[in-house]
């Protein structure tokens, strides 16, 4: 197999407050390869969201390395971390976090505009992404005019705006009903197959995890490979 797209090497996250030491992540070794869809499962408090935040450079590890395409993200400056996120990553959260005053199309355009891409380029790309997520007929709708499932699909399109190497999703269907959850799960599969989009998904949803190409289980701040929560 080729070199990993992103690789955690002995990654730790430790909080020390009022004399107490809390080890959230404990020497995690883990790799994701381009084109994979990987699901991370585990009980609440196992360290899943903390791990995702470190991969996304939203937080810094206490020790260890995070290698992305040969570079140690853990050693990046704040400016380099911002560039890493903007140029390489897409984020999908349990709540869509759309800006209420912007239309669906404008929300999708935001990451591209942040990187300084032209308005025309961003608009064209956003329209293509709306087609990809099945919402080509909703470009001018405000978030409050869309259903919960539609809002989350807009959030998926936004995450793909800069053609990220890796999309990090934290409980992406956790706030949706069964029908919309299933639609979102199928969308991930379609995007992976059509664009070879790489997804790393933290989820409690066993059905979503079952659709991933690889499943791992996190327990006590460590990852057990090739297992699914029993």
C-alpha atoms as a PDB file:
ATOM      1  CA  UNK A   1       0.000   0.000   0.000  1.00  0.00           C
ATOM      2  CA  UNK A   2       1.139   3.572  -0.596  1.00  0.00           C
ATOM      3  CA  UNK A   3       2.310   5.908   2.131  1.00  0.00           C
ATOM      4  CA  UNK A   4      -0.440   7.053   4.536  1.00  0.00           C
ATOM      5  CA  UNK A   5      -2.202  10.306   3.790  1.00  0.00           C
ATOM      6  CA  UNK A   6      -2.096  11.100   7.503  1.00  0.00           C
ATOM      7  CA  UNK A   7      -0.416   9.189  10.310  1.00  0.00           C
ATOM      8  CA  UNK A   8      -0.536   9.560  14.097  1.00  0.00           C
ATOM      9  CA  UNK A   9       2.628   8.399  15.836  1.00  0.00           C
ATOM     10  CA  UNK A  10       2.527   7.883  19.604  1.00  0.00           C
ATOM     11  CA  UNK A  11      -0.020  10.686  19.951  1.00  0.00           C
ATOM     12  CA  UNK A  12      -0.903  11.791  23.491  1.00  0.00           C
ATOM     13  CA  UNK A  13      -3.307  14.392  24.872  1.00  0.00           C
ATOM     14  CA  UNK A  14      -2.916  15.074  28.578  1.00  0.00           C
ATOM     15  CA  UNK A  15      -4.632  17.654  30.755  1.00  0.00           C
ATOM     16  CA  UNK A  16      -3.147  18.561  34.128  1.00  0.00           C
ATOM     17  CA  UNK A  17      -5.333  20.668  36.389  1.00  0.00           C
ATOM     18  CA  UNK A  18      -5.236  21.195  40.161  1.00  0.00           C
ATOM     19  CA  UNK A  19      -2.618  18.511  40.492  1.00  0.00           C
ATOM     20  CA  UNK A  20      -4.601  15.881  38.588  1.00  0.00           C
ATOM     21  CA  UNK A  21      -3.373  14.254  35.380  1.00  0.00           C
ATOM     22  CA  UNK A  22      -6.031  13.272  32.840  1.00  0.00           C
ATOM     23  CA  UNK A  23      -4.827  11.200  29.894  1.00  0.00           C
ATOM     24  CA  UNK A  24      -7.411  11.556  27.101  1.00  0.00           C
ATOM     25  CA  UNK A  25      -5.245   9.993  24.372  1.00  0.00           C
ATOM     26  CA  UNK A  26      -2.565   7.472  25.295  1.00  0.00           C
ATOM     27  CA  UNK A  27       0.039   6.800  22.633  1.00  0.00           C
ATOM     28  CA  UNK A  28      -2.220   6.483  19.591  1.00  0.00           C
ATOM     29  CA  UNK A  29      -0.690   5.026  16.423  1.00  0.00           C
ATOM     30  CA  UNK A  30      -3.020   5.208  13.446  1.00  0.00           C
ATOM     31  CA  UNK A  31      -2.948   5.783   9.681  1.00  0.00           C
ATOM     32  CA  UNK A  32      -5.462   6.782   7.024  1.00  0.00           C
ATOM     33  CA  UNK A  33      -4.794   6.215   3.322  1.00  0.00           C
ATOM     34  CA  UNK A  34      -6.105   8.201   0.363  1.00  0.00           C
ATOM     35  CA  UNK A  35      -9.481   7.004  -0.863  1.00  0.00           C
ATOM     36  CA  UNK A  36     -10.417   5.259   2.385  1.00  0.00           C
ATOM     37  CA  UNK A  37     -13.614   5.634   4.364  1.00  0.00           C
ATOM     38  CA  UNK A  38     -12.766   4.879   7.998  1.00  0.00           C
ATOM     39  CA  UNK A  39     -15.242   4.789  10.886  1.00  0.00           C
ATOM     40  CA  UNK A  40     -14.102   5.251  14.491  1.00  0.00           C
ATOM     41  CA  UNK A  41     -16.448   3.870  17.137  1.00  0.00           C
ATOM     42  CA  UNK A  42     -16.335   3.759  20.906  1.00  0.00           C
ATOM     43  CA  UNK A  43     -18.131   4.783  24.077  1.00  0.00           C
ATOM     44  CA  UNK A  44     -18.481   8.394  25.156  1.00  0.00           C
ATOM     45  CA  UNK A  45     -15.270   9.607  26.754  1.00  0.00           C
ATOM     46  CA  UNK A  46     -13.081   7.186  24.806  1.00  0.00           C
ATOM     47  CA  UNK A  47     -11.189  10.066  23.157  1.00  0.00           C
ATOM     48  CA  UNK A  48     -12.746   9.997  19.686  1.00  0.00           C
ATOM     49  CA  UNK A  49     -13.565  13.701  19.333  1.00  0.00           C
ATOM     50  CA  UNK A  50     -10.267  14.705  20.929  1.00  0.00           C
ATOM     51  CA  UNK A  51      -8.443  12.577  18.375  1.00  0.00           C
ATOM     52  CA  UNK A  52     -10.405  14.145  15.529  1.00  0.00           C
ATOM     53  CA  UNK A  53      -9.557  17.625  16.837  1.00  0.00           C
ATOM     54  CA  UNK A  54      -5.861  16.783  16.801  1.00  0.00           C
ATOM     55  CA  UNK A  55      -6.037  15.412  13.265  1.00  0.00           C
ATOM     56  CA  UNK A  56      -7.794  18.606  12.220  1.00  0.00           C
ATOM     57  CA  UNK A  57      -5.218  20.833  13.961  1.00  0.00           C
ATOM     58  CA  UNK A  58      -7.990  22.308  16.104  1.00  0.00           C
ATOM     59  CA  UNK A  59      -5.866  21.384  19.126  1.00  0.00           C
ATOM     60  CA  UNK A  60      -2.258  20.408  19.730  1.00  0.00           C
ATOM     61  CA  UNK A  61      -1.070  17.055  21.079  1.00  0.00           C
ATOM     62  CA  UNK A  62       0.807  16.903  24.369  1.00  0.00           C
ATOM     63  CA  UNK A  63       3.413  14.721  22.662  1.00  0.00           C
ATOM     64  CA  UNK A  64       3.820  12.611  19.570  1.00  0.00           C
ATOM     65  CA  UNK A  65       3.786  13.330  15.861  1.00  0.00           C
ATOM     66  CA  UNK A  66       1.027  13.862  13.315  1.00  0.00           C
ATOM     67  CA  UNK A  67       2.434  13.339   9.836  1.00  0.00           C
ATOM     68  CA  UNK A  68       0.512  14.647   6.841  1.00  0.00           C
ATOM     69  CA  UNK A  69       2.166  14.058   3.485  1.00  0.00           C
ATOM     70  CA  UNK A  70       5.584  13.929   5.112  1.00  0.00           C
ATOM     71  CA  UNK A  71       5.185  16.992   7.353  1.00  0.00           C
ATOM     72  CA  UNK A  72       4.681  17.012  11.111  1.00  0.00           C
ATOM     73  CA  UNK A  73       1.502  18.998  11.713  1.00  0.00           C
ATOM     74  CA  UNK A  74       2.129  18.897  15.471  1.00  0.00           C
ATOM     75  CA  UNK A  75       5.149  21.175  14.951  1.00  0.00           C
ATOM     76  CA  UNK A  76       3.356  23.733  12.756  1.00  0.00           C
ATOM     77  CA  UNK A  77       3.049  27.378  13.738  1.00  0.00           C
ATOM     78  CA  UNK A  78      -0.444  28.827  14.150  1.00  0.00           C
ATOM     79  CA  UNK A  79      -0.301  30.242  10.616  1.00  0.00           C
ATOM     80  CA  UNK A  80       0.821  26.919   9.171  1.00  0.00           C
ATOM     81  CA  UNK A  81      -1.983  25.130  11.032  1.00  0.00           C
ATOM     82  CA  UNK A  82      -4.525  27.527   9.535  1.00  0.00           C
ATOM     83  CA  UNK A  83      -3.136  26.899   6.053  1.00  0.00           C
ATOM     84  CA  UNK A  84      -3.128  23.133   6.635  1.00  0.00           C
ATOM     85  CA  UNK A  85      -6.808  23.171   7.591  1.00  0.00           C
ATOM     86  CA  UNK A  86      -7.898  25.464   4.779  1.00  0.00           C
ATOM     87  CA  UNK A  87      -5.998  23.736   2.001  1.00  0.00           C
ATOM     88  CA  UNK A  88      -6.286  20.079   2.969  1.00  0.00           C
ATOM     89  CA  UNK A  89      -9.251  19.405   5.260  1.00  0.00           C
ATOM     90  CA  UNK A  90     -13.019  19.513   5.262  1.00  0.00           C
ATOM     91  CA  UNK A  91     -15.073  19.354   8.458  1.00  0.00           C
ATOM     92  CA  UNK A  92     -18.568  17.996   9.084  1.00  0.00           C
ATOM     93  CA  UNK A  93     -20.059  18.214  12.575  1.00  0.00           C
ATOM     94  CA  UNK A  94     -23.197  16.891  14.243  1.00  0.00           C
ATOM     95  CA  UNK A  95     -24.763  20.328  13.841  1.00  0.00           C
ATOM     96  CA  UNK A  96     -24.481  21.923  10.424  1.00  0.00           C
ATOM     97  CA  UNK A  97     -23.290  25.377  11.608  1.00  0.00           C
ATOM     98  CA  UNK A  98     -24.582  27.123   8.488  1.00  0.00           C
ATOM     99  CA  UNK A  99     -24.642  30.923   8.564  1.00  0.00           C
ATOM    100  CA  UNK A 100     -28.346  31.834   8.738  1.00  0.00           C
ATOM    101  CA  UNK A 101     -28.055  35.056   6.744  1.00  0.00           C
ATOM    102  CA  UNK A 102     -26.389  33.320   3.775  1.00  0.00           C
ATOM    103  CA  UNK A 103     -28.099  31.217   1.114  1.00  0.00           C
ATOM    104  CA  UNK A 104     -27.233  27.567   0.578  1.00  0.00           C
ATOM    105  CA  UNK A 105     -24.952  28.485  -2.320  1.00  0.00           C
ATOM    106  CA  UNK A 106     -23.217  31.225  -0.332  1.00  0.00           C
ATOM    107  CA  UNK A 107     -22.633  28.897   2.623  1.00  0.00           C
ATOM    108  CA  UNK A 108     -20.976  26.348   0.353  1.00  0.00           C
ATOM    109  CA  UNK A 109     -18.754  29.068  -1.136  1.00  0.00           C
ATOM    110  CA  UNK A 110     -17.328  30.215   2.212  1.00  0.00           C
ATOM    111  CA  UNK A 111     -14.203  27.980   2.414  1.00  0.00           C
ATOM    112  CA  UNK A 112     -13.165  28.976  -1.099  1.00  0.00           C
ATOM    113  CA  UNK A 113     -13.581  32.669  -0.391  1.00  0.00           C
ATOM    114  CA  UNK A 114     -11.502  32.290   2.785  1.00  0.00           C
ATOM    115  CA  UNK A 115      -8.667  30.913   0.637  1.00  0.00           C
ATOM    116  CA  UNK A 116      -8.950  33.921  -1.675  1.00  0.00           C
ATOM    117  CA  UNK A 117     -10.472  32.167  -4.685  1.00  0.00           C
ATOM    118  CA  UNK A 118     -12.494  34.387  -7.004  1.00  0.00           C
ATOM    119  CA  UNK A 119     -16.222  34.807  -6.501  1.00  0.00           C
ATOM    120  CA  UNK A 120     -16.945  33.393  -9.960  1.00  0.00           C
ATOM    121  CA  UNK A 121     -14.777  30.315  -9.392  1.00  0.00           C
ATOM    122  CA  UNK A 122     -16.339  29.672  -5.981  1.00  0.00           C
ATOM    123  CA  UNK A 123     -19.851  30.103  -7.336  1.00  0.00           C
ATOM    124  CA  UNK A 124     -19.270  27.629 -10.166  1.00  0.00           C
ATOM    125  CA  UNK A 125     -17.684  25.096  -7.816  1.00  0.00           C
ATOM    126  CA  UNK A 126     -20.471  25.486  -5.263  1.00  0.00           C
ATOM    127  CA  UNK A 127     -23.140  24.868  -7.912  1.00  0.00           C
ATOM    128  CA  UNK A 128     -21.391  21.652  -8.941  1.00  0.00           C
ATOM    129  CA  UNK A 129     -21.255  20.531  -5.323  1.00  0.00           C
ATOM    130  CA  UNK A 130     -24.943  21.253  -4.818  1.00  0.00           C
ATOM    131  CA  UNK A 131     -25.611  18.970  -7.784  1.00  0.00           C
ATOM    132  CA  UNK A 132     -23.369  16.302  -6.208  1.00  0.00           C
ATOM    133  CA  UNK A 133     -25.318  16.351  -2.925  1.00  0.00           C
ATOM    134  CA  UNK A 134     -28.696  16.435  -4.679  1.00  0.00           C
ATOM    135  CA  UNK A 135     -29.647  20.028  -3.891  1.00  0.00           C
ATOM    136  CA  UNK A 136     -29.266  21.792  -7.227  1.00  0.00           C
ATOM    137  CA  UNK A 137     -32.797  23.157  -6.778  1.00  0.00           C
ATOM    138  CA  UNK A 138     -32.006  24.864  -3.453  1.00  0.00           C
ATOM    139  CA  UNK A 139     -29.167  27.343  -4.163  1.00  0.00           C
ATOM    140  CA  UNK A 140     -31.042  30.466  -3.068  1.00  0.00           C
ATOM    141  CA  UNK A 141     -32.748  29.032   0.004  1.00  0.00           C
ATOM    142  CA  UNK A 142     -31.729  30.246   3.441  1.00  0.00           C
ATOM    143  CA  UNK A 143     -30.924  27.567   6.054  1.00  0.00           C
ATOM    144  CA  UNK A 144     -34.214  28.123   7.880  1.00  0.00           C
ATOM    145  CA  UNK A 145     -36.023  27.291   4.643  1.00  0.00           C
ATOM    146  CA  UNK A 146     -34.367  23.860   4.423  1.00  0.00           C
ATOM    147  CA  UNK A 147     -35.034  20.604   6.257  1.00  0.00           C
ATOM    148  CA  UNK A 148     -32.528  19.206   8.744  1.00  0.00           C
ATOM    149  CA  UNK A 149     -31.311  16.652   6.230  1.00  0.00           C
ATOM    150  CA  UNK A 150     -30.914  19.298   3.540  1.00  0.00           C
ATOM    151  CA  UNK A 151     -28.926  21.533   5.884  1.00  0.00           C
ATOM    152  CA  UNK A 152     -26.540  18.702   6.659  1.00  0.00           C
ATOM    153  CA  UNK A 153     -26.073  17.970   2.963  1.00  0.00           C
ATOM    154  CA  UNK A 154     -25.236  21.660   2.471  1.00  0.00           C
ATOM    155  CA  UNK A 155     -22.650  21.241   5.236  1.00  0.00           C
ATOM    156  CA  UNK A 156     -21.201  18.257   3.350  1.00  0.00           C
ATOM    157  CA  UNK A 157     -20.969  20.324   0.159  1.00  0.00           C
ATOM    158  CA  UNK A 158     -19.246  23.111   2.108  1.00  0.00           C
ATOM    159  CA  UNK A 159     -16.733  20.610   3.501  1.00  0.00           C
ATOM    160  CA  UNK A 160     -15.852  19.594  -0.069  1.00  0.00           C
ATOM    161  CA  UNK A 161     -15.527  23.150  -1.401  1.00  0.00           C
ATOM    162  CA  UNK A 162     -11.718  23.222  -1.554  1.00  0.00           C
ATOM    163  CA  UNK A 163     -11.443  19.600  -2.726  1.00  0.00           C
ATOM    164  CA  UNK A 164      -9.872  18.526   0.572  1.00  0.00           C
ATOM    165  CA  UNK A 165      -7.560  15.559   0.816  1.00  0.00           C
ATOM    166  CA  UNK A 166      -9.390  14.441   3.960  1.00  0.00           C
ATOM    167  CA  UNK A 167     -12.874  15.059   5.371  1.00  0.00           C
ATOM    168  CA  UNK A 168     -13.226  14.723   9.151  1.00  0.00           C
ATOM    169  CA  UNK A 169     -16.785  14.047  10.312  1.00  0.00           C
ATOM    170  CA  UNK A 170     -17.827  14.032  13.984  1.00  0.00           C
ATOM    171  CA  UNK A 171     -21.193  12.281  14.514  1.00  0.00           C
ATOM    172  CA  UNK A 172     -22.478  13.687  11.187  1.00  0.00           C
ATOM    173  CA  UNK A 173     -25.850  11.923  11.383  1.00  0.00           C
ATOM    174  CA  UNK A 174     -26.277  12.255  15.136  1.00  0.00           C
ATOM    175  CA  UNK A 175     -28.874  15.010  14.831  1.00  0.00           C
ATOM    176  CA  UNK A 176     -30.900  13.450  11.995  1.00  0.00           C
ATOM    177  CA  UNK A 177     -33.871  11.120  11.875  1.00  0.00           C
ATOM    178  CA  UNK A 178     -33.522   7.625  10.426  1.00  0.00           C
ATOM    179  CA  UNK A 179     -34.545   8.565   6.886  1.00  0.00           C
ATOM    180  CA  UNK A 180     -32.182  11.536   6.636  1.00  0.00           C
ATOM    181  CA  UNK A 181     -29.395   9.561   8.307  1.00  0.00           C
ATOM    182  CA  UNK A 182     -29.664   6.865   5.659  1.00  0.00           C
ATOM    183  CA  UNK A 183     -29.611   9.470   2.890  1.00  0.00           C
ATOM    184  CA  UNK A 184     -26.487  11.049   4.368  1.00  0.00           C
ATOM    185  CA  UNK A 185     -24.780   7.675   4.721  1.00  0.00           C
ATOM    186  CA  UNK A 186     -25.434   6.847   1.083  1.00  0.00           C
ATOM    187  CA  UNK A 187     -24.127  10.278   0.098  1.00  0.00           C
ATOM    188  CA  UNK A 188     -20.795   9.542   1.798  1.00  0.00           C
ATOM    189  CA  UNK A 189     -20.512   6.305  -0.160  1.00  0.00           C
ATOM    190  CA  UNK A 190     -21.345   8.013  -3.437  1.00  0.00           C
ATOM    191  CA  UNK A 191     -18.799  10.785  -2.849  1.00  0.00           C
ATOM    192  CA  UNK A 192     -16.146   8.249  -1.919  1.00  0.00           C
ATOM    193  CA  UNK A 193     -16.814   6.190  -5.030  1.00  0.00           C
ATOM    194  CA  UNK A 194     -17.219   9.120  -7.428  1.00  0.00           C
ATOM    195  CA  UNK A 195     -14.379  11.361  -6.229  1.00  0.00           C
ATOM    196  CA  UNK A 196     -12.278   8.871  -4.219  1.00  0.00           C
ATOM    197  CA  UNK A 197     -12.918  11.257  -1.350  1.00  0.00           C
ATOM    198  CA  UNK A 198     -11.235  10.205   1.892  1.00  0.00           C
ATOM    199  CA  UNK A 199     -13.454  10.234   4.988  1.00  0.00           C
ATOM    200  CA  UNK A 200     -12.661   9.690   8.651  1.00  0.00           C
ATOM    201  CA  UNK A 201     -15.952   9.465  10.535  1.00  0.00           C
ATOM    202  CA  UNK A 202     -16.487   9.355  14.293  1.00  0.00           C
ATOM    203  CA  UNK A 203     -19.879   7.764  14.884  1.00  0.00           C
ATOM    204  CA  UNK A 204     -22.086   5.849  17.301  1.00  0.00           C
ATOM    205  CA  UNK A 205     -24.224   4.749  14.356  1.00  0.00           C
ATOM    206  CA  UNK A 206     -23.463   1.083  13.700  1.00  0.00           C
ATOM    207  CA  UNK A 207     -25.119   1.169  10.288  1.00  0.00           C
ATOM    208  CA  UNK A 208     -22.934   4.056   9.136  1.00  0.00           C
ATOM    209  CA  UNK A 209     -19.876   2.273  10.527  1.00  0.00           C
ATOM    210  CA  UNK A 210     -20.845  -0.903   8.684  1.00  0.00           C
ATOM    211  CA  UNK A 211     -20.755   0.978   5.372  1.00  0.00           C
ATOM    212  CA  UNK A 212     -17.190   2.193   5.904  1.00  0.00           C
ATOM    213  CA  UNK A 213     -14.342   0.368   4.252  1.00  0.00           C
ATOM    214  CA  UNK A 214     -12.544   0.076   7.598  1.00  0.00           C
ATOM    215  CA  UNK A 215     -13.767   0.246  11.175  1.00  0.00           C
ATOM    216  CA  UNK A 216     -11.756   0.764  14.353  1.00  0.00           C
ATOM    217  CA  UNK A 217     -12.735   0.964  17.983  1.00  0.00           C
ATOM    218  CA  UNK A 218     -11.395   3.472  20.479  1.00  0.00           C
ATOM    219  CA  UNK A 219     -11.244   2.612  24.155  1.00  0.00           C
ATOM    220  CA  UNK A 220      -9.479   4.384  27.001  1.00  0.00           C
ATOM    221  CA  UNK A 221      -7.700   6.798  24.718  1.00  0.00           C
ATOM    222  CA  UNK A 222      -6.261   4.076  22.499  1.00  0.00           C
ATOM    223  CA  UNK A 223      -7.262   2.577  19.154  1.00  0.00           C
ATOM    224  CA  UNK A 224      -7.860  -1.123  18.639  1.00  0.00           C
ATOM    225  CA  UNK A 225      -7.613  -1.785  14.861  1.00  0.00           C
ATOM    226  CA  UNK A 226     -10.060  -3.748  12.761  1.00  0.00           C
ATOM    227  CA  UNK A 227     -12.720  -4.134  15.406  1.00  0.00           C
ATOM    228  CA  UNK A 228     -16.289  -2.949  15.780  1.00  0.00           C
ATOM    229  CA  UNK A 229     -18.054  -2.224  19.025  1.00  0.00           C
ATOM    230  CA  UNK A 230     -19.804  -5.376  20.193  1.00  0.00           C
END
